[in-house]
Amino acid sequence: MEERLTEIEIKLAHLEQARLFLETSLVRYAVVHATNAQIAKMLEASRVCETNLDNIEGFREGDVQFHRAIAEVPGNPIFVALHDTFVEKLMRNRPALPDFRKRNKISNDEHRAILEAILAKDAEQAVDVLTTHLTRNYGTYFRLVLDHGAEATAQLNSSIQEEDSHE
């Protein structure tokens, strides 16, 4: 197994760290400032996820909608643009795992827990659940690279390089 992280893996780790920093700040803001319409948008995205637990692409679309709805709360287009970058560089490049239905269910349960914390005006709970949600998901893909070495790294690298060639 390769012991050294590749440049791409390091960049992905930096993006994940930036995403965690931004999204935890955004969810803290949403607890105080989200309107009923914005919360309804998050709830609708969670419903999309729930109805697509067995459909990886449908679930990913709902997941993207959920996190984007949080990014939209402050009304700052820079936060939305950063979110869109994270989606393109991180979420869409992840391979589907064999137990994706189970993982999708866990993720959407966390979406609902985040919503409950927002409705309860509990910023600490919202941040805690979101942190668990994002770090667990990233950890899964990082472990995939560690467990499958060059093969998994090549799969992630090729999808990222393919996307970079379209820019």
Foldseek 3Di string as FASTA:
>chain_A
DDPDDDPLRVVLVVLLVVCLVLLLVLLLVLLPQPDPVLLVQLVVLLVQLVVCLVPVVSNLVSVLSNSLSSQPRVVDVVSNVSSVVCCQLPVVLDDQDPPSSVVSVLLSVLSVQLSVCSVVSNSVSNSVSVVCNSVVVVVVLVVVCVVVPPVSVVSSVVSNVVVVVVD
